[in-house]
Amino acid sequence: APGKDIHYRMHPANLACLSAARLDVC
């Protein structure tokens, strides 16, 4: 995204990091 100093992304193959917490909603 232009004009930003900080960019965050997680690789989709690491989705198990979120699934581990059994999240219902993000």
PDB file of all heavy atoms in Angstrom:
ATOM      1  N   ALA A   1       0.849  -1.189   0.000  1.00  0.00           N
ATOM      2  CA  ALA A   1       0.000   0.000   0.000  1.00  0.00           C
ATOM      3  C   ALA A   1       0.886   1.240   0.000  1.00  0.00           C
ATOM      4  O   ALA A   1       1.792   1.360   0.841  1.00  0.00           O
ATOM      5  CB  ALA A   1      -0.915   0.000   1.221  1.00  0.00           C
ATOM      6  N   PRO A   2       0.667   2.160  -0.916  1.00  0.00           N
ATOM      7  CA  PRO A   2       1.525   3.349  -1.006  1.00  0.00           C
ATOM      8  C   PRO A   2       1.317   4.286   0.174  1.00  0.00           C
ATOM      9  O   PRO A   2       0.244   4.343   0.771  1.00  0.00           O
ATOM     10  CB  PRO A   2       1.082   4.000  -2.318  1.00  0.00           C
ATOM     11  CG  PRO A   2      -0.330   3.543  -2.523  1.00  0.00           C
ATOM     12  CD  PRO A   2      -0.382   2.151  -1.950  1.00  0.00           C
ATOM     13  N   GLY A   3       2.386   5.006   0.502  1.00  0.00           N
ATOM     14  CA  GLY A   3       2.289   6.032   1.535  1.00  0.00           C
ATOM     15  C   GLY A   3       2.352   5.520   2.948  1.00  0.00           C
ATOM     16  O   GLY A   3       2.155   6.291   3.889  1.00  0.00           O
ATOM     17  N   LYS A   4       2.628   4.229   3.147  1.00  0.00           N
ATOM     18  CA  LYS A   4       2.683   3.650   4.484  1.00  0.00           C
ATOM     19  C   LYS A   4       4.113   3.232   4.812  1.00  0.00           C
ATOM     20  O   LYS A   4       4.825   2.700   3.960  1.00  0.00           O
ATOM     21  CB  LYS A   4       1.781   2.411   4.585  1.00  0.00           C
ATOM     22  CG  LYS A   4       0.294   2.680   4.475  1.00  0.00           C
ATOM     23  CD  LYS A   4      -0.508   1.484   5.017  1.00  0.00           C
ATOM     24  CE  LYS A   4      -0.453   1.460   6.534  1.00  0.00           C
ATOM     25  NZ  LYS A   4      -1.114   0.274   7.099  1.00  0.00           N
ATOM     26  N   ASP A   5       4.493   3.437   6.073  1.00  0.00           N
ATOM     27  CA  ASP A   5       5.804   2.989   6.524  1.00  0.00           C
ATOM     28  C   ASP A   5       5.786   1.539   6.998  1.00  0.00           C
ATOM     29  O   ASP A   5       6.816   0.857   6.947  1.00  0.00           O
ATOM     30  CB  ASP A   5       6.308   3.873   7.669  1.00  0.00           C
ATOM     31  CG  ASP A   5       6.730   5.252   7.200  1.00  0.00           C
ATOM     32  OD1 ASP A   5       7.029   5.403   6.001  1.00  0.00           O
ATOM     33  OD2 ASP A   5       6.754   6.173   8.031  1.00  0.00           O
ATOM     34  N   ILE A   6       4.656   1.094   7.525  1.00  0.00           N
ATOM     35  CA  ILE A   6       4.563  -0.230   8.149  1.00  0.00           C
ATOM     36  C   ILE A   6       3.538  -1.070   7.397  1.00  0.00           C
ATOM     37  O   ILE A   6       2.402  -0.629   7.184  1.00  0.00           O
ATOM     38  CB  ILE A   6       4.152  -0.121   9.636  1.00  0.00           C
ATOM     39  CG1 ILE A   6       5.089   0.841  10.387  1.00  0.00           C
ATOM     40  CG2 ILE A   6       4.151  -1.503  10.289  1.00  0.00           C
ATOM     41  CD1 ILE A   6       6.522   0.393  10.486  1.00  0.00           C
ATOM     42  N   HIS A   7       3.931  -2.282   7.031  1.00  0.00           N
ATOM     43  CA  HIS A   7       3.036  -3.224   6.350  1.00  0.00           C
ATOM     44  C   HIS A   7       3.100  -4.568   7.067  1.00  0.00           C
ATOM     45  O   HIS A   7       4.189  -5.061   7.373  1.00  0.00           O
ATOM     46  CB  HIS A   7       3.459  -3.424   4.886  1.00  0.00           C
ATOM     47  CG  HIS A   7       3.430  -2.170   4.065  1.00  0.00           C
ATOM     48  ND1 HIS A   7       4.440  -1.238   4.095  1.00  0.00           N
ATOM     49  CD2 HIS A   7       2.498  -1.705   3.186  1.00  0.00           C
ATOM     50  CE1 HIS A   7       4.139  -0.237   3.276  1.00  0.00           C
ATOM     51  NE2 HIS A   7       2.977  -0.499   2.707  1.00  0.00           N
ATOM     52  N   TYR A   8       1.925  -5.151   7.299  1.00  0.00           N
ATOM     53  CA  TYR A   8       1.855  -6.453   7.973  1.00  0.00           C
ATOM     54  C   TYR A   8       1.201  -7.474   7.042  1.00  0.00           C
ATOM     55  O   TYR A   8       0.145  -7.216   6.457  1.00  0.00           O
ATOM     56  CB  TYR A   8       0.994  -6.369   9.237  1.00  0.00           C
ATOM     57  CG  TYR A   8       1.673  -5.736  10.423  1.00  0.00           C
ATOM     58  CD1 TYR A   8       1.429  -4.415  10.758  1.00  0.00           C
ATOM     59  CD2 TYR A   8       2.541  -6.475  11.222  1.00  0.00           C
ATOM     60  CE1 TYR A   8       2.036  -3.833  11.861  1.00  0.00           C
ATOM     61  CE2 TYR A   8       3.152  -5.901  12.326  1.00  0.00           C
ATOM     62  CZ  TYR A   8       2.901  -4.591  12.641  1.00  0.00           C
ATOM     63  OH  TYR A   8       3.512  -4.007  13.726  1.00  0.00           O
ATOM     64  N   ARG A   9       1.843  -8.647   6.948  1.00  0.00           N
ATOM     65  CA  ARG A   9       1.162  -9.767   6.311  1.00  0.00           C
ATOM     66  C   ARG A   9       1.702 -11.078   6.884  1.00  0.00           C
ATOM     67  O   ARG A   9       2.882 -11.181   7.227  1.00  0.00           O
ATOM     68  CB  ARG A   9       1.306  -9.744   4.793  1.00  0.00           C
ATOM     69  CG  ARG A   9       2.696  -9.910   4.235  1.00  0.00           C
ATOM     70  CD  ARG A   9       2.649  -9.992   2.721  1.00  0.00           C
ATOM     71  NE  ARG A   9       3.940  -9.712   2.099  1.00  0.00           N
ATOM     72  CZ  ARG A   9       4.099  -9.586   0.781  1.00  0.00           C
ATOM     73  NH1 ARG A   9       3.057  -9.702  -0.029  1.00  0.00           N
ATOM     74  NH2 ARG A   9       5.292  -9.336   0.272  1.00  0.00           N
ATOM     75  N   MET A  10       0.818 -12.036   6.999  1.00  0.00           N
ATOM     76  CA  MET A  10       1.161 -13.400   7.373  1.00  0.00           C
ATOM     77  C   MET A  10       0.929 -14.284   6.168  1.00  0.00           C
ATOM     78  O   MET A  10      -0.075 -14.136   5.466  1.00  0.00           O
ATOM     79  CB  MET A  10       0.291 -13.870   8.541  1.00  0.00           C
ATOM     80  CG  MET A  10       0.570 -15.301   8.974  1.00  0.00           C
ATOM     81  SD  MET A  10      -0.467 -15.857  10.362  1.00  0.00           S
ATOM     82  CE  MET A  10      -2.021 -16.138   9.508  1.00  0.00           C
ATOM     83  N   HIS A  11       1.834 -15.217   5.912  1.00  0.00           N
ATOM     84  CA  HIS A  11       1.658 -16.118   4.776  1.00  0.00           C
ATOM     85  C   HIS A  11       0.441 -17.012   5.015  1.00  0.00           C
ATOM     86  O   HIS A  11       0.245 -17.519   6.134  1.00  0.00           O
ATOM     87  CB  HIS A  11       2.910 -16.972   4.580  1.00  0.00           C
ATOM     88  CG  HIS A  11       2.952 -17.633   3.247  1.00  0.00           C
ATOM     89  ND1 HIS A  11       2.213 -18.765   2.960  1.00  0.00           N
ATOM     90  CD2 HIS A  11       3.626 -17.321   2.116  1.00  0.00           C
ATOM     91  CE1 HIS A  11       2.433 -19.122   1.714  1.00  0.00           C
ATOM     92  NE2 HIS A  11       3.289 -18.258   1.171  1.00  0.00           N
ATOM     93  N   PRO A  12      -0.401 -17.221   4.012  1.00  0.00           N
ATOM     94  CA  PRO A  12      -1.591 -18.058   4.212  1.00  0.00           C
ATOM     95  C   PRO A  12      -1.275 -19.464   4.711  1.00  0.00           C
ATOM     96  O   PRO A  12      -2.103 -20.078   5.407  1.00  0.00           O
ATOM     97  CB  PRO A  12      -2.234 -18.094   2.821  1.00  0.00           C
ATOM     98  CG  PRO A  12      -1.775 -16.841   2.161  1.00  0.00           C
ATOM     99  CD  PRO A  12      -0.387 -16.606   2.670  1.00  0.00           C
ATOM    100  N   ALA A  13      -0.097 -19.985   4.398  1.00  0.00           N
ATOM    101  CA  ALA A  13       0.272 -21.323   4.872  1.00  0.00           C
ATOM    102  C   ALA A  13       0.456 -21.364   6.385  1.00  0.00           C
ATOM    103  O   ALA A  13       0.526 -22.449   6.970  1.00  0.00           O
ATOM    104  CB  ALA A  13       1.543 -21.798   4.177  1.00  0.00           C
ATOM    105  N   ASN A  14       0.513 -20.193   7.037  1.00  0.00           N
ATOM    106  CA  ASN A  14       0.628 -20.131   8.500  1.00  0.00           C
ATOM    107  C   ASN A  14      -0.718 -19.927   9.177  1.00  0.00           C
ATOM    108  O   ASN A  14      -0.768 -19.594  10.367  1.00  0.00           O
ATOM    109  CB  ASN A  14       1.575 -19.003   8.909  1.00  0.00           C
ATOM    110  CG  ASN A  14       3.024 -19.350   8.659  1.00  0.00           C
ATOM    111  OD1 ASN A  14       3.418 -20.518   8.782  1.00  0.00           O
ATOM    112  ND2 ASN A  14       3.827 -18.360   8.312  1.00  0.00           N
ATOM    113  N   LEU A  15      -1.804 -20.142   8.455  1.00  0.00           N
ATOM    114  CA  LEU A  15      -3.123 -19.902   9.040  1.00  0.00           C
ATOM    115  C   LEU A  15      -3.363 -20.733  10.293  1.00  0.00           C
ATOM    116  O   LEU A  15      -4.156 -20.338  11.155  1.00  0.00           O
ATOM    117  CB  LEU A  15      -4.221 -20.201   8.016  1.00  0.00           C
ATOM    118  CG  LEU A  15      -5.624 -19.859   8.532  1.00  0.00           C
ATOM    119  CD1 LEU A  15      -5.799 -18.357   8.605  1.00  0.00           C
ATOM    120  CD2 LEU A  15      -6.703 -20.490   7.679  1.00  0.00           C
ATOM    121  N   ALA A  16      -2.680 -21.854  10.440  1.00  0.00           N
ATOM    122  CA  ALA A  16      -2.859 -22.681  11.641  1.00  0.00           C
ATOM    123  C   ALA A  16      -2.572 -21.895  12.915  1.00  0.00           C
ATOM    124  O   ALA A  16      -3.063 -22.248  13.986  1.00  0.00           O
ATOM    125  CB  ALA A  16      -1.961 -23.910  11.568  1.00  0.00           C
ATOM    126  N   CYS A  17      -1.811 -20.811  12.809  1.00  0.00           N
ATOM    127  CA  CYS A  17      -1.571 -19.958  13.977  1.00  0.00           C
ATOM    128  C   CYS A  17      -2.870 -19.359  14.494  1.00  0.00           C
ATOM    129  O   CYS A  17      -3.069 -19.232  15.700  1.00  0.00           O
ATOM    130  CB  CYS A  17      -0.574 -18.862  13.622  1.00  0.00           C
ATOM    131  SG  CYS A  17      -0.257 -17.683  14.943  1.00  0.00           S
ATOM    132  N   LEU A  18      -3.766 -18.979  13.579  1.00  0.00           N
ATOM    133  CA  LEU A  18      -5.063 -18.446  13.989  1.00  0.00           C
ATOM    134  C   LEU A  18      -6.034 -19.561  14.339  1.00  0.00           C
ATOM    135  O   LEU A  18      -6.793 -19.459  15.303  1.00  0.00           O
ATOM    136  CB  LEU A  18      -5.625 -17.559  12.880  1.00  0.00           C
ATOM    137  CG  LEU A  18      -4.783 -16.332  12.506  1.00  0.00           C
ATOM    138  CD1 LEU A  18      -5.431 -15.567  11.364  1.00  0.00           C
ATOM    139  CD2 LEU A  18      -4.574 -15.423  13.708  1.00  0.00           C
ATOM    140  N   SER A  19      -6.019 -20.631  13.565  1.00  0.00           N
ATOM    141  CA  SER A  19      -6.923 -21.754  13.840  1.00  0.00           C
ATOM    142  C   SER A  19      -6.654 -22.351  15.213  1.00  0.00           C
ATOM    143  O   SER A  19      -7.572 -22.868  15.859  1.00  0.00           O
ATOM    144  CB  SER A  19      -6.770 -22.829  12.769  1.00  0.00           C
ATOM    145  OG  SER A  19      -7.075 -22.328  11.488  1.00  0.00           O
ATOM    146  N   ALA A  20      -5.406 -22.279  15.681  1.00  0.00           N
ATOM    147  CA  ALA A  20      -5.063 -22.861  16.970  1.00  0.00           C
ATOM    148  C   ALA A  20      -5.867 -22.253  18.110  1.00  0.00           C
ATOM    149  O   ALA A  20      -6.120 -22.912  19.122  1.00  0.00           O
ATOM    150  CB  ALA A  20      -3.567 -22.684  17.240  1.00  0.00           C
ATOM    151  N   ALA A  21      -6.271 -20.992  17.946  1.00  0.00           N
ATOM    152  CA  ALA A  21      -7.035 -20.311  18.996  1.00  0.00           C
ATOM    153  C   ALA A  21      -8.535 -20.525  18.868  1.00  0.00           C
ATOM    154  O   ALA A  21      -9.305 -19.994  19.665  1.00  0.00           O
ATOM    155  CB  ALA A  21      -6.728 -18.818  18.984  1.00  0.00           C
ATOM    156  N   ARG A  22      -8.956 -21.287  17.865  1.00  0.00           N
ATOM    157  CA  ARG A  22     -10.368 -21.598  17.625  1.00  0.00           C
ATOM    158  C   ARG A  22     -11.214 -20.313  17.608  1.00  0.00           C
ATOM    159  O   ARG A  22     -12.239 -20.199  18.274  1.00  0.00           O
ATOM    160  CB  ARG A  22     -10.904 -22.594  18.663  1.00  0.00           C
ATOM    161  CG  ARG A  22     -10.088 -23.869  18.715  1.00  0.00           C
ATOM    162  CD  ARG A  22     -10.874 -25.042  19.280  1.00  0.00           C
ATOM    163  NE  ARG A  22     -11.477 -24.772  20.561  1.00  0.00           N
ATOM    164  CZ  ARG A  22     -10.836 -24.850  21.728  1.00  0.00           C
ATOM    165  NH1 ARG A  22      -9.553 -25.182  21.760  1.00  0.00           N
ATOM    166  NH2 ARG A  22     -11.459 -24.606  22.859  1.00  0.00           N
ATOM    167  N   LEU A  23     -10.750 -19.364  16.803  1.00  0.00           N
ATOM    168  CA  LEU A  23     -11.440 -18.078  16.706  1.00  0.00           C
ATOM    169  C   LEU A  23     -12.760 -18.253  15.968  1.00  0.00           C
ATOM    170  O   LEU A  23     -12.851 -18.967  14.973  1.00  0.00           O
ATOM    171  CB  LEU A  23     -10.569 -17.067  15.966  1.00  0.00           C
ATOM    172  CG  LEU A  23      -9.203 -16.780  16.602  1.00  0.00           C
ATOM    173  CD1 LEU A  23      -8.394 -15.856  15.699  1.00  0.00           C
ATOM    174  CD2 LEU A  23      -9.362 -16.168  17.988  1.00  0.00           C
ATOM    175  N   ASP A  24     -13.773 -17.546  16.431  1.00  0.00           N
ATOM    176  CA  ASP A  24     -15.066 -17.534  15.751  1.00  0.00           C
ATOM    177  C   ASP A  24     -15.164 -16.380  14.763  1.00  0.00           C
ATOM    178  O   ASP A  24     -15.732 -16.535  13.678  1.00  0.00           O
ATOM    179  CB  ASP A  24     -16.199 -17.429  16.779  1.00  0.00           C
ATOM    180  CG  ASP A  24     -16.312 -18.672  17.626  1.00  0.00           C
ATOM    181  OD1 ASP A  24     -16.753 -19.710  17.105  1.00  0.00           O
ATOM    182  OD2 ASP A  24     -15.946 -18.609  18.823  1.00  0.00           O
ATOM    183  N   VAL A  25     -14.634 -15.202  15.154  1.00  0.00           N
ATOM    184  CA  VAL A  25     -14.759 -14.005  14.309  1.00  0.00           C
ATOM    185  C   VAL A  25     -13.465 -13.207  14.365  1.00  0.00           C
ATOM    186  O   VAL A  25     -12.887 -13.013  15.439  1.00  0.00           O
ATOM    187  CB  VAL A  25     -15.916 -13.093  14.765  1.00  0.00           C
ATOM    188  CG1 VAL A  25     -16.082 -11.931  13.788  1.00  0.00           C
ATOM    189  CG2 VAL A  25     -17.217 -13.851  14.914  1.00  0.00           C
ATOM    190  N   CYS A  26     -13.045 -12.718  13.206  1.00  0.00           N
ATOM    191  CA  CYS A  26     -11.978 -11.719  13.120  1.00  0.00           C
ATOM    192  C   CYS A  26     -12.584 -10.410  12.638  1.00  0.00           C
ATOM    193  O   CYS A  26     -13.138 -10.348  11.535  1.00  0.00           O
ATOM    194  CB  CYS A  26     -10.882 -12.153  12.163  1.00  0.00           C
ATOM    195  SG  CYS A  26      -9.820 -13.469  12.797  1.00  0.00           S
TER     196      CYS A  26
END
